[in-house]
Amino acid sequence: MIAVLGLIVGVVVGLFVRPVVPTVVEPYLPIAVVAALDAVFGGLRAMLDGIFDDKVFVVSFLSNVVVAALIVFLGDKLGVGAQLSTGVVVVLGIRIFSNAAAIRRHVFRA
């Protein structure tokens, strides 16, 4: 319940405050969001499977975001930022859809 309340408060504050994202961070923000979504879907799947561990979730969440951002940063420095960004999104997208399929099978018993 606290997490849902925090999510609602965060969305409302984000809509009214209109935070400004520095241009240095702009290339990494979408990748960080996709990496965070991967961790959230993985955590939801683990919860439905009965193997959720909050420490594993936090480490997964933070490490996904940091590793994805580092890969994009490395790609930018090598001059192939768009290609590595696409690769990160594809890999994380596959994981998200895999977790979503497992969640769907668990919820609908299919």
PDB file of N, CA and C in Angstrom:
ATOM      1  N   MET A   1       0.817  -1.190   0.000  1.00  0.00           N
ATOM      2  CA  MET A   1       0.000   0.000   0.000  1.00  0.00           C
ATOM      3  C   MET A   1       0.867   1.263   0.000  1.00  0.00           C
ATOM      4  N   ILE A   2       1.956   1.215   0.737  1.00  0.00           N
ATOM      5  CA  ILE A   2       2.854   2.374   0.786  1.00  0.00           C
ATOM      6  C   ILE A   2       3.490   2.611  -0.582  1.00  0.00           C
ATOM      7  N   ALA A   3       3.832   1.529  -1.281  1.00  0.00           N
ATOM      8  CA  ALA A   3       4.437   1.666  -2.605  1.00  0.00           C
ATOM      9  C   ALA A   3       3.467   2.313  -3.588  1.00  0.00           C
ATOM     10  N   VAL A   4       2.211   1.910  -3.547  1.00  0.00           N
ATOM     11  CA  VAL A   4       1.203   2.489  -4.441  1.00  0.00           C
ATOM     12  C   VAL A   4       1.001   3.964  -4.120  1.00  0.00           C
ATOM     13  N   LEU A   5       0.944   4.293  -2.842  1.00  0.00           N
ATOM     14  CA  LEU A   5       0.801   5.688  -2.433  1.00  0.00           C
ATOM     15  C   LEU A   5       2.007   6.512  -2.894  1.00  0.00           C
ATOM     16  N   GLY A   6       3.198   5.961  -2.738  1.00  0.00           N
ATOM     17  CA  GLY A   6       4.408   6.640  -3.197  1.00  0.00           C
ATOM     18  C   GLY A   6       4.412   6.845  -4.701  1.00  0.00           C
ATOM     19  N   LEU A   7       3.927   5.848  -5.449  1.00  0.00           N
ATOM     20  CA  LEU A   7       3.847   5.968  -6.902  1.00  0.00           C
ATOM     21  C   LEU A   7       2.881   7.076  -7.302  1.00  0.00           C
ATOM     22  N   ILE A   8       1.727   7.116  -6.655  1.00  0.00           N
ATOM     23  CA  ILE A   8       0.731   8.149  -6.963  1.00  0.00           C
ATOM     24  C   ILE A   8       1.279   9.537  -6.641  1.00  0.00           C
ATOM     25  N   VAL A   9       1.896   9.686  -5.475  1.00  0.00           N
ATOM     26  CA  VAL A   9       2.472  10.977  -5.094  1.00  0.00           C
ATOM     27  C   VAL A   9       3.565  11.377  -6.085  1.00  0.00           C
ATOM     28  N   GLY A  10       4.403  10.437  -6.482  1.00  0.00           N
ATOM     29  CA  GLY A  10       5.469  10.734  -7.436  1.00  0.00           C
ATOM     30  C   GLY A  10       4.950  11.179  -8.788  1.00  0.00           C
ATOM     31  N   VAL A  11       3.908  10.535  -9.278  1.00  0.00           N
ATOM     32  CA  VAL A  11       3.320  10.920 -10.562  1.00  0.00           C
ATOM     33  C   VAL A  11       2.698  12.310 -10.471  1.00  0.00           C
ATOM     34  N   VAL A  12       1.966  12.569  -9.400  1.00  0.00           N
ATOM     35  CA  VAL A  12       1.329  13.884  -9.234  1.00  0.00           C
ATOM     36  C   VAL A  12       2.386  14.980  -9.126  1.00  0.00           C
ATOM     37  N   VAL A  13       3.412  14.761  -8.328  1.00  0.00           N
ATOM     38  CA  VAL A  13       4.483  15.757  -8.195  1.00  0.00           C
ATOM     39  C   VAL A  13       5.180  15.961  -9.540  1.00  0.00           C
ATOM     40  N   GLY A  14       5.428  14.878 -10.266  1.00  0.00           N
ATOM     41  CA  GLY A  14       6.068  14.991 -11.573  1.00  0.00           C
ATOM     42  C   GLY A  14       5.239  15.766 -12.579  1.00  0.00           C
ATOM     43  N   LEU A  15       3.926  15.637 -12.503  1.00  0.00           N
ATOM     44  CA  LEU A  15       3.054  16.363 -13.426  1.00  0.00           C
ATOM     45  C   LEU A  15       2.984  17.856 -13.113  1.00  0.00           C
ATOM     46  N   PHE A  16       3.013  18.206 -11.845  1.00  0.00           N
ATOM     47  CA  PHE A  16       2.865  19.608 -11.470  1.00  0.00           C
ATOM     48  C   PHE A  16       4.187  20.359 -11.393  1.00  0.00           C
ATOM     49  N   VAL A  17       5.261  19.703 -11.031  1.00  0.00           N
ATOM     50  CA  VAL A  17       6.543  20.386 -10.872  1.00  0.00           C
ATOM     51  C   VAL A  17       7.241  20.585 -12.211  1.00  0.00           C
ATOM     52  N   ARG A  18       7.045  19.685 -13.147  1.00  0.00           N
ATOM     53  CA  ARG A  18       7.701  19.728 -14.454  1.00  0.00           C
ATOM     54  C   ARG A  18       9.221  19.823 -14.307  1.00  0.00           C
ATOM     55  N   PRO A  19       9.848  18.753 -13.837  1.00  0.00           N
ATOM     56  CA  PRO A  19      11.296  18.804 -13.635  1.00  0.00           C
ATOM     57  C   PRO A  19      12.036  18.964 -14.965  1.00  0.00           C
ATOM     58  N   VAL A  20      13.150  19.651 -14.910  1.00  0.00           N
ATOM     59  CA  VAL A  20      13.983  19.861 -16.090  1.00  0.00           C
ATOM     60  C   VAL A  20      15.115  18.841 -16.057  1.00  0.00           C
ATOM     61  N   VAL A  21      15.241  18.092 -17.137  1.00  0.00           N
ATOM     62  CA  VAL A  21      16.292  17.081 -17.236  1.00  0.00           C
ATOM     63  C   VAL A  21      17.493  17.720 -17.926  1.00  0.00           C
ATOM     64  N   PRO A  22      18.667  17.672 -17.305  1.00  0.00           N
ATOM     65  CA  PRO A  22      19.857  18.230 -17.951  1.00  0.00           C
ATOM     66  C   PRO A  22      20.153  17.507 -19.269  1.00  0.00           C
ATOM     67  N   THR A  23      20.663  18.246 -20.236  1.00  0.00           N
ATOM     68  CA  THR A  23      20.919  17.658 -21.552  1.00  0.00           C
ATOM     69  C   THR A  23      21.972  16.560 -21.497  1.00  0.00           C
ATOM     70  N   VAL A  24      22.828  16.591 -20.500  1.00  0.00           N
ATOM     71  CA  VAL A  24      23.857  15.557 -20.359  1.00  0.00           C
ATOM     72  C   VAL A  24      23.224  14.206 -20.039  1.00  0.00           C
ATOM     73  N   VAL A  25      22.111  14.224 -19.335  1.00  0.00           N
ATOM     74  CA  VAL A  25      21.467  12.995 -18.868  1.00  0.00           C
ATOM     75  C   VAL A  25      20.422  12.481 -19.857  1.00  0.00           C
ATOM     76  N   GLU A  26      19.978  13.316 -20.792  1.00  0.00           N
ATOM     77  CA  GLU A  26      18.882  12.953 -21.687  1.00  0.00           C
ATOM     78  C   GLU A  26      19.064  11.630 -22.426  1.00  0.00           C
ATOM     79  N   PRO A  27      20.239  11.295 -22.952  1.00  0.00           N
ATOM     80  CA  PRO A  27      20.356  10.020 -23.673  1.00  0.00           C
ATOM     81  C   PRO A  27      20.199   8.793 -22.774  1.00  0.00           C
ATOM     82  N   TYR A  28      20.439   8.967 -21.488  1.00  0.00           N
ATOM     83  CA  TYR A  28      20.438   7.824 -20.573  1.00  0.00           C
ATOM     84  C   TYR A  28      19.090   7.599 -19.897  1.00  0.00           C
ATOM     85  N   LEU A  29      18.244   8.609 -19.869  1.00  0.00           N
ATOM     86  CA  LEU A  29      16.973   8.506 -19.153  1.00  0.00           C
ATOM     87  C   LEU A  29      16.035   7.439 -19.724  1.00  0.00           C
ATOM     88  N   PRO A  30      15.804   7.382 -21.045  1.00  0.00           N
ATOM     89  CA  PRO A  30      14.917   6.326 -21.558  1.00  0.00           C
ATOM     90  C   PRO A  30      15.457   4.923 -21.292  1.00  0.00           C
ATOM     91  N   ILE A  31      16.763   4.760 -21.402  1.00  0.00           N
ATOM     92  CA  ILE A  31      17.368   3.452 -21.147  1.00  0.00           C
ATOM     93  C   ILE A  31      17.209   3.091 -19.677  1.00  0.00           C
ATOM     94  N   ALA A  32      17.380   4.062 -18.797  1.00  0.00           N
ATOM     95  CA  ALA A  32      17.216   3.808 -17.363  1.00  0.00           C
ATOM     96  C   ALA A  32      15.778   3.422 -17.039  1.00  0.00           C
ATOM     97  N   VAL A  33      14.819   4.047 -17.704  1.00  0.00           N
ATOM     98  CA  VAL A  33      13.412   3.710 -17.466  1.00  0.00           C
ATOM     99  C   VAL A  33      13.121   2.284 -17.922  1.00  0.00           C
ATOM    100  N   VAL A  34      13.623   1.901 -19.086  1.00  0.00           N
ATOM    101  CA  VAL A  34      13.406   0.532 -19.579  1.00  0.00           C
ATOM    102  C   VAL A  34      14.089  -0.476 -18.654  1.00  0.00           C
ATOM    103  N   ALA A  35      15.286  -0.160 -18.187  1.00  0.00           N
ATOM    104  CA  ALA A  35      15.982  -1.058 -17.260  1.00  0.00           C
ATOM    105  C   ALA A  35      15.221  -1.179 -15.946  1.00  0.00           C
ATOM    106  N   ALA A  36      14.664  -0.078 -15.467  1.00  0.00           N
ATOM    107  CA  ALA A  36      13.872  -0.122 -14.237  1.00  0.00           C
ATOM    108  C   ALA A  36      12.602  -0.942 -14.439  1.00  0.00           C
ATOM    109  N   LEU A  37      11.960  -0.803 -15.595  1.00  0.00           N
ATOM    110  CA  LEU A  37      10.769  -1.607 -15.889  1.00  0.00           C
ATOM    111  C   LEU A  37      11.102  -3.093 -15.920  1.00  0.00           C
ATOM    112  N   ASP A  38      12.270  -3.432 -16.442  1.00  0.00           N
ATOM    113  CA  ASP A  38      12.695  -4.831 -16.448  1.00  0.00           C
ATOM    114  C   ASP A  38      12.788  -5.366 -15.027  1.00  0.00           C
ATOM    115  N   ALA A  39      13.368  -4.586 -14.139  1.00  0.00           N
ATOM    116  CA  ALA A  39      13.482  -5.023 -12.744  1.00  0.00           C
ATOM    117  C   ALA A  39      12.113  -5.135 -12.084  1.00  0.00           C
ATOM    118  N   VAL A  40      11.214  -4.209 -12.385  1.00  0.00           N
ATOM    119  CA  VAL A  40       9.873  -4.244 -11.791  1.00  0.00           C
ATOM    120  C   VAL A  40       9.104  -5.475 -12.265  1.00  0.00           C
ATOM    121  N   PHE A  41       9.147  -5.753 -13.571  1.00  0.00           N
ATOM    122  CA  PHE A  41       8.457  -6.941 -14.079  1.00  0.00           C
ATOM    123  C   PHE A  41       9.091  -8.219 -13.539  1.00  0.00           C
ATOM    124  N   GLY A  42      10.410  -8.231 -13.404  1.00  0.00           N
ATOM    125  CA  GLY A  42      11.076  -9.389 -12.802  1.00  0.00           C
ATOM    126  C   GLY A  42      10.685  -9.573 -11.348  1.00  0.00           C
ATOM    127  N   GLY A  43      10.562  -8.468 -10.615  1.00  0.00           N
ATOM    128  CA  GLY A  43      10.133  -8.546  -9.220  1.00  0.00           C
ATOM    129  C   GLY A  43       8.701  -9.025  -9.084  1.00  0.00           C
ATOM    130  N   LEU A  44       7.835  -8.556  -9.976  1.00  0.00           N
ATOM    131  CA  LEU A  44       6.440  -9.005  -9.956  1.00  0.00           C
ATOM    132  C   LEU A  44       6.343 -10.494 -10.267  1.00  0.00           C
ATOM    133  N   ARG A  45       7.136 -10.937 -11.237  1.00  0.00           N
ATOM    134  CA  ARG A  45       7.156 -12.366 -11.562  1.00  0.00           C
ATOM    135  C   ARG A  45       7.650 -13.179 -10.372  1.00  0.00           C
ATOM    136  N   ALA A  46       8.709 -12.720  -9.730  1.00  0.00           N
ATOM    137  CA  ALA A  46       9.240 -13.433  -8.563  1.00  0.00           C
ATOM    138  C   ALA A  46       8.224 -13.461  -7.431  1.00  0.00           C
ATOM    139  N   MET A  47       7.485 -12.374  -7.254  1.00  0.00           N
ATOM    140  CA  MET A  47       6.471 -12.339  -6.209  1.00  0.00           C
ATOM    141  C   MET A  47       5.371 -13.364  -6.489  1.00  0.00           C
ATOM    142  N   LEU A  48       4.932 -13.446  -7.733  1.00  0.00           N
ATOM    143  CA  LEU A  48       3.895 -14.416  -8.086  1.00  0.00           C
ATOM    144  C   LEU A  48       4.400 -15.849  -7.982  1.00  0.00           C
ATOM    145  N   ASP A  49       5.695 -16.050  -8.219  1.00  0.00           N
ATOM    146  CA  ASP A  49       6.289 -17.385  -8.083  1.00  0.00           C
ATOM    147  C   ASP A  49       6.610 -17.726  -6.636  1.00  0.00           C
ATOM    148  N   GLY A  50       6.491 -16.742  -5.744  1.00  0.00           N
ATOM    149  CA  GLY A  50       6.750 -16.972  -4.330  1.00  0.00           C
ATOM    150  C   GLY A  50       8.219 -16.960  -3.952  1.00  0.00           C
ATOM    151  N   ILE A  51       9.068 -16.374  -4.792  1.00  0.00           N
ATOM    152  CA  ILE A  51      10.510 -16.355  -4.511  1.00  0.00           C
ATOM    153  C   ILE A  51      11.054 -14.924  -4.438  1.00  0.00           C
ATOM    154  N   PHE A  52      10.184 -13.958  -4.182  1.00  0.00           N
ATOM    155  CA  PHE A  52      10.600 -12.558  -4.141  1.00  0.00           C
ATOM    156  C   PHE A  52      11.481 -12.296  -2.931  1.00  0.00           C
ATOM    157  N   ASP A  53      12.574 -11.583  -3.165  1.00  0.00           N
ATOM    158  CA  ASP A  53      13.468 -11.148  -2.095  1.00  0.00           C
ATOM    159  C   ASP A  53      13.736  -9.663  -2.314  1.00  0.00           C
ATOM    160  N   ASP A  54      13.442  -8.849  -1.325  1.00  0.00           N
ATOM    161  CA  ASP A  54      13.570  -7.410  -1.498  1.00  0.00           C
ATOM    162  C   ASP A  54      15.001  -6.967  -1.766  1.00  0.00           C
ATOM    163  N   LYS A  55      15.966  -7.636  -1.170  1.00  0.00           N
ATOM    164  CA  LYS A  55      17.369  -7.276  -1.407  1.00  0.00           C
ATOM    165  C   LYS A  55      17.761  -7.567  -2.846  1.00  0.00           C
ATOM    166  N   VAL A  56      17.333  -8.712  -3.355  1.00  0.00           N
ATOM    167  CA  VAL A  56      17.618  -9.069  -4.746  1.00  0.00           C
ATOM    168  C   VAL A  56      16.949  -8.068  -5.683  1.00  0.00           C
ATOM    169  N   PHE A  57      15.731  -7.660  -5.346  1.00  0.00           N
ATOM    170  CA  PHE A  57      15.020  -6.693  -6.185  1.00  0.00           C
ATOM    171  C   PHE A  57      15.761  -5.364  -6.244  1.00  0.00           C
ATOM    172  N   VAL A  58      16.185  -4.850  -5.104  1.00  0.00           N
ATOM    173  CA  VAL A  58      16.880  -3.556  -5.072  1.00  0.00           C
ATOM    174  C   VAL A  58      18.200  -3.640  -5.839  1.00  0.00           C
ATOM    175  N   VAL A  59      18.945  -4.720  -5.624  1.00  0.00           N
ATOM    176  CA  VAL A  59      20.217  -4.885  -6.342  1.00  0.00           C
ATOM    177  C   VAL A  59      19.965  -5.015  -7.838  1.00  0.00           C
ATOM    178  N   SER A  60      18.955  -5.776  -8.221  1.00  0.00           N
ATOM    179  CA  SER A  60      18.613  -5.934  -9.635  1.00  0.00           C
ATOM    180  C   SER A  60      18.202  -4.601 -10.244  1.00  0.00           C
ATOM    181  N   PHE A  61      17.381  -3.863  -9.536  1.00  0.00           N
ATOM    182  CA  PHE A  61      16.910  -2.565 -10.014  1.00  0.00           C
ATOM    183  C   PHE A  61      18.088  -1.626 -10.266  1.00  0.00           C
ATOM    184  N   LEU A  62      18.931  -1.468  -9.259  1.00  0.00           N
ATOM    185  CA  LEU A  62      20.057  -0.542  -9.379  1.00  0.00           C
ATOM    186  C   LEU A  62      21.089  -1.011 -10.397  1.00  0.00           C
ATOM    187  N   SER A  63      21.405  -2.304 -10.382  1.00  0.00           N
ATOM    188  CA  SER A  63      22.418  -2.796 -11.314  1.00  0.00           C
ATOM    189  C   SER A  63      21.926  -2.736 -12.755  1.00  0.00           C
ATOM    190  N   ASN A  64      20.645  -3.008 -13.002  1.00  0.00           N
ATOM    191  CA  ASN A  64      20.114  -2.884 -14.363  1.00  0.00           C
ATOM    192  C   ASN A  64      20.268  -1.461 -14.876  1.00  0.00           C
ATOM    193  N   VAL A  65      19.904  -0.496 -14.056  1.00  0.00           N
ATOM    194  CA  VAL A  65      19.979   0.904 -14.472  1.00  0.00           C
ATOM    195  C   VAL A  65      21.427   1.322 -14.698  1.00  0.00           C
ATOM    196  N   VAL A  66      22.314   0.965 -13.785  1.00  0.00           N
ATOM    197  CA  VAL A  66      23.718   1.373 -13.901  1.00  0.00           C
ATOM    198  C   VAL A  66      24.390   0.707 -15.098  1.00  0.00           C
ATOM    199  N   VAL A  67      24.186  -0.593 -15.271  1.00  0.00           N
ATOM    200  CA  VAL A  67      24.825  -1.296 -16.392  1.00  0.00           C
ATOM    201  C   VAL A  67      24.294  -0.780 -17.725  1.00  0.00           C
ATOM    202  N   ALA A  68      22.986  -0.578 -17.833  1.00  0.00           N
ATOM    203  CA  ALA A  68      22.418  -0.059 -19.079  1.00  0.00           C
ATOM    204  C   ALA A  68      22.970   1.334 -19.382  1.00  0.00           C
ATOM    205  N   ALA A  69      23.053   2.188 -18.369  1.00  0.00           N
ATOM    206  CA  ALA A  69      23.591   3.534 -18.576  1.00  0.00           C
ATOM    207  C   ALA A  69      25.070   3.484 -18.961  1.00  0.00           C
ATOM    208  N   LEU A  70      25.824   2.583 -18.350  1.00  0.00           N
ATOM    209  CA  LEU A  70      27.247   2.456 -18.708  1.00  0.00           C
ATOM    210  C   LEU A  70      27.431   1.970 -20.137  1.00  0.00           C
ATOM    211  N   ILE A  71      26.583   1.051 -20.579  1.00  0.00           N
ATOM    212  CA  ILE A  71      26.685   0.570 -21.960  1.00  0.00           C
ATOM    213  C   ILE A  71      26.392   1.705 -22.934  1.00  0.00           C
ATOM    214  N   VAL A  72      25.368   2.495 -22.651  1.00  0.00           N
ATOM    215  CA  VAL A  72      25.043   3.628 -23.523  1.00  0.00           C
ATOM    216  C   VAL A  72      26.155   4.674 -23.472  1.00  0.00           C
ATOM    217  N   PHE A  73      26.708   4.929 -22.298  1.00  0.00           N
ATOM    218  CA  PHE A  73      27.820   5.876 -22.166  1.00  0.00           C
ATOM    219  C   PHE A  73      29.021   5.409 -22.983  1.00  0.00           C
ATOM    220  N   LEU A  74      29.345   4.131 -22.875  1.00  0.00           N
ATOM    221  CA  LEU A  74      30.455   3.577 -23.648  1.00  0.00           C
ATOM    222  C   LEU A  74      30.187   3.711 -25.141  1.00  0.00           C
ATOM    223  N   GLY A  75      28.953   3.437 -25.546  1.00  0.00           N
ATOM    224  CA  GLY A  75      28.594   3.586 -26.954  1.00  0.00           C
ATOM    225  C   GLY A  75      28.735   5.014 -27.432  1.00  0.00           C
ATOM    226  N   ASP A  76      28.355   5.966 -26.595  1.00  0.00           N
ATOM    227  CA  ASP A  76      28.513   7.376 -26.960  1.00  0.00           C
ATOM    228  C   ASP A  76      29.983   7.737 -27.124  1.00  0.00           C
ATOM    229  N   LYS A  77      30.824   7.239 -26.233  1.00  0.00           N
ATOM    230  CA  LYS A  77      32.257   7.544 -26.313  1.00  0.00           C
ATOM    231  C   LYS A  77      32.910   6.894 -27.532  1.00  0.00           C
ATOM    232  N   LEU A  78      32.391   5.724 -27.938  1.00  0.00           N
ATOM    233  CA  LEU A  78      32.938   5.034 -29.107  1.00  0.00           C
ATOM    234  C   LEU A  78      32.325   5.514 -30.416  1.00  0.00           C
ATOM    235  N   GLY A  79      31.282   6.334 -30.315  1.00  0.00           N
ATOM    236  CA  GLY A  79      30.627   6.845 -31.511  1.00  0.00           C
ATOM    237  C   GLY A  79      29.554   5.928 -32.067  1.00  0.00           C
ATOM    238  N   VAL A  80      29.161   4.929 -31.309  1.00  0.00           N
ATOM    239  CA  VAL A  80      28.112   3.998 -31.750  1.00  0.00           C
ATOM    240  C   VAL A  80      26.987   3.961 -30.718  1.00  0.00           C
ATOM    241  N   GLY A  81      26.663   5.125 -30.164  1.00  0.00           N
ATOM    242  CA  GLY A  81      25.677   5.199 -29.093  1.00  0.00           C
ATOM    243  C   GLY A  81      24.309   4.699 -29.497  1.00  0.00           C
ATOM    244  N   ALA A  82      23.873   5.033 -30.715  1.00  0.00           N
ATOM    245  CA  ALA A  82      22.539   4.620 -31.156  1.00  0.00           C
ATOM    246  C   ALA A  82      22.446   3.104 -31.275  1.00  0.00           C
ATOM    247  N   GLN A  83      23.493   2.476 -31.801  1.00  0.00           N
ATOM    248  CA  GLN A  83      23.471   1.024 -31.969  1.00  0.00           C
ATOM    249  C   GLN A  83      23.456   0.311 -30.624  1.00  0.00           C
ATOM    250  N   LEU A  84      24.282   0.758 -29.691  1.00  0.00           N
ATOM    251  CA  LEU A  84      24.297   0.113 -28.380  1.00  0.00           C
ATOM    252  C   LEU A  84      23.020   0.407 -27.604  1.00  0.00           C
ATOM    253  N   SER A  85      22.458   1.597 -27.775  1.00  0.00           N
ATOM    254  CA  SER A  85      21.177   1.901 -27.131  1.00  0.00           C
ATOM    255  C   SER A  85      20.091   0.975 -27.652  1.00  0.00           C
ATOM    256  N   THR A  86      20.084   0.756 -28.959  1.00  0.00           N
ATOM    257  CA  THR A  86      19.107  -0.156 -29.552  1.00  0.00           C
ATOM    258  C   THR A  86      19.299  -1.565 -29.018  1.00  0.00           C
ATOM    259  N   GLY A  87      20.536  -1.996 -28.901  1.00  0.00           N
ATOM    260  CA  GLY A  87      20.813  -3.329 -28.364  1.00  0.00           C
ATOM    261  C   GLY A  87      20.330  -3.482 -26.933  1.00  0.00           C
ATOM    262  N   VAL A  88      20.560  -2.470 -26.120  1.00  0.00           N
ATOM    263  CA  VAL A  88      20.115  -2.518 -24.724  1.00  0.00           C
ATOM    264  C   VAL A  88      18.596  -2.584 -24.656  1.00  0.00           C
ATOM    265  N   VAL A  89      17.915  -1.769 -25.459  1.00  0.00           N
ATOM    266  CA  VAL A  89      16.453  -1.763 -25.453  1.00  0.00           C
ATOM    267  C   VAL A  89      15.904  -3.102 -25.934  1.00  0.00           C
ATOM    268  N   VAL A  90      16.525  -3.695 -26.944  1.00  0.00           N
ATOM    269  CA  VAL A  90      16.061  -4.999 -27.447  1.00  0.00           C
ATOM    270  C   VAL A  90      16.219  -6.070 -26.378  1.00  0.00           C
ATOM    271  N   VAL A  91      17.382  -6.142 -25.752  1.00  0.00           N
ATOM    272  CA  VAL A  91      17.615  -7.163 -24.721  1.00  0.00           C
ATOM    273  C   VAL A  91      16.665  -6.978 -23.545  1.00  0.00           C
ATOM    274  N   LEU A  92      16.551  -5.761 -23.055  1.00  0.00           N
ATOM    275  CA  LEU A  92      15.649  -5.517 -21.927  1.00  0.00           C
ATOM    276  C   LEU A  92      14.193  -5.722 -22.333  1.00  0.00           C
ATOM    277  N   GLY A  93      13.856  -5.370 -23.572  1.00  0.00           N
ATOM    278  CA  GLY A  93      12.497  -5.601 -24.059  1.00  0.00           C
ATOM    279  C   GLY A  93      12.152  -7.077 -24.107  1.00  0.00           C
ATOM    280  N   ILE A  94      13.085  -7.896 -24.547  1.00  0.00           N
ATOM    281  CA  ILE A  94      12.863  -9.346 -24.563  1.00  0.00           C
ATOM    282  C   ILE A  94      12.636  -9.853 -23.149  1.00  0.00           C
ATOM    283  N   ARG A  95      13.438  -9.372 -22.203  1.00  0.00           N
ATOM    284  CA  ARG A  95      13.262  -9.796 -20.807  1.00  0.00           C
ATOM    285  C   ARG A  95      11.921  -9.333 -20.246  1.00  0.00           C
ATOM    286  N   ILE A  96      11.517  -8.110 -20.572  1.00  0.00           N
ATOM    287  CA  ILE A  96      10.235  -7.593 -20.088  1.00  0.00           C
ATOM    288  C   ILE A  96       9.090  -8.434 -20.634  1.00  0.00           C
ATOM    289  N   PHE A  97       9.107  -8.725 -21.932  1.00  0.00           N
ATOM    290  CA  PHE A  97       8.029  -9.518 -22.519  1.00  0.00           C
ATOM    291  C   PHE A  97       8.048 -10.953 -22.014  1.00  0.00           C
ATOM    292  N   SER A  98       9.221 -11.490 -21.745  1.00  0.00           N
ATOM    293  CA  SER A  98       9.308 -12.834 -21.167  1.00  0.00           C
ATOM    294  C   SER A  98       8.692 -12.860 -19.771  1.00  0.00           C
ATOM    295  N   ASN A  99       9.023 -11.867 -18.963  1.00  0.00           N
ATOM    296  CA  ASN A  99       8.431 -11.777 -17.626  1.00  0.00           C
ATOM    297  C   ASN A  99       6.930 -11.520 -17.700  1.00  0.00           C
ATOM    298  N   ALA A 100       6.504 -10.681 -18.649  1.00  0.00           N
ATOM    299  CA  ALA A 100       5.072 -10.411 -18.801  1.00  0.00           C
ATOM    300  C   ALA A 100       4.322 -11.676 -19.202  1.00  0.00           C
ATOM    301  N   ALA A 101       4.928 -12.497 -20.060  1.00  0.00           N
ATOM    302  CA  ALA A 101       4.291 -13.758 -20.448  1.00  0.00           C
ATOM    303  C   ALA A 101       4.179 -14.698 -19.254  1.00  0.00           C
ATOM    304  N   ALA A 102       5.218 -14.760 -18.431  1.00  0.00           N
ATOM    305  CA  ALA A 102       5.168 -15.613 -17.236  1.00  0.00           C
ATOM    306  C   ALA A 102       4.125 -15.104 -16.246  1.00  0.00           C
ATOM    307  N   ILE A 103       4.018 -13.793 -16.110  1.00  0.00           N
ATOM    308  CA  ILE A 103       3.001 -13.215 -15.229  1.00  0.00           C
ATOM    309  C   ILE A 103       1.610 -13.547 -15.756  1.00  0.00           C
ATOM    310  N   ARG A 104       1.415 -13.407 -17.059  1.00  0.00           N
ATOM    311  CA  ARG A 104       0.120 -13.726 -17.663  1.00  0.00           C
ATOM    312  C   ARG A 104      -0.240 -15.191 -17.460  1.00  0.00           C
ATOM    313  N   ARG A 105       0.732 -16.090 -17.656  1.00  0.00           N
ATOM    314  CA  ARG A 105       0.472 -17.517 -17.444  1.00  0.00           C
ATOM    315  C   ARG A 105       0.111 -17.794 -15.992  1.00  0.00           C
ATOM    316  N   HIS A 106       0.771 -17.102 -15.084  1.00  0.00           N
ATOM    317  CA  HIS A 106       0.488 -17.316 -13.662  1.00  0.00           C
ATOM    318  C   HIS A 106      -0.892 -16.786 -13.287  1.00  0.00           C
ATOM    319  N   VAL A 107      -1.234 -15.609 -13.777  1.00  0.00           N
ATOM    320  CA  VAL A 107      -2.508 -14.984 -13.422  1.00  0.00           C
ATOM    321  C   VAL A 107      -3.687 -15.730 -14.042  1.00  0.00           C
ATOM    322  N   PHE A 108      -3.565 -16.111 -15.322  1.00  0.00           N
ATOM    323  CA  PHE A 108      -4.674 -16.761 -16.018  1.00  0.00           C
ATOM    324  C   PHE A 108      -4.582 -18.279 -15.995  1.00  0.00           C
ATOM    325  N   ARG A 109      -3.573 -18.809 -15.314  1.00  0.00           N
ATOM    326  CA  ARG A 109      -3.375 -20.260 -15.210  1.00  0.00           C
ATOM    327  C   ARG A 109      -3.321 -20.914 -16.583  1.00  0.00           C
ATOM    328  N   ALA A 110      -2.691 -20.230 -17.526  1.00  0.00           N
ATOM    329  CA  ALA A 110      -2.619 -20.754 -18.893  1.00  0.00           C
ATOM    330  C   ALA A 110      -1.243 -21.299 -19.195  1.00  0.00           C
TER     331      ALA A 110
END
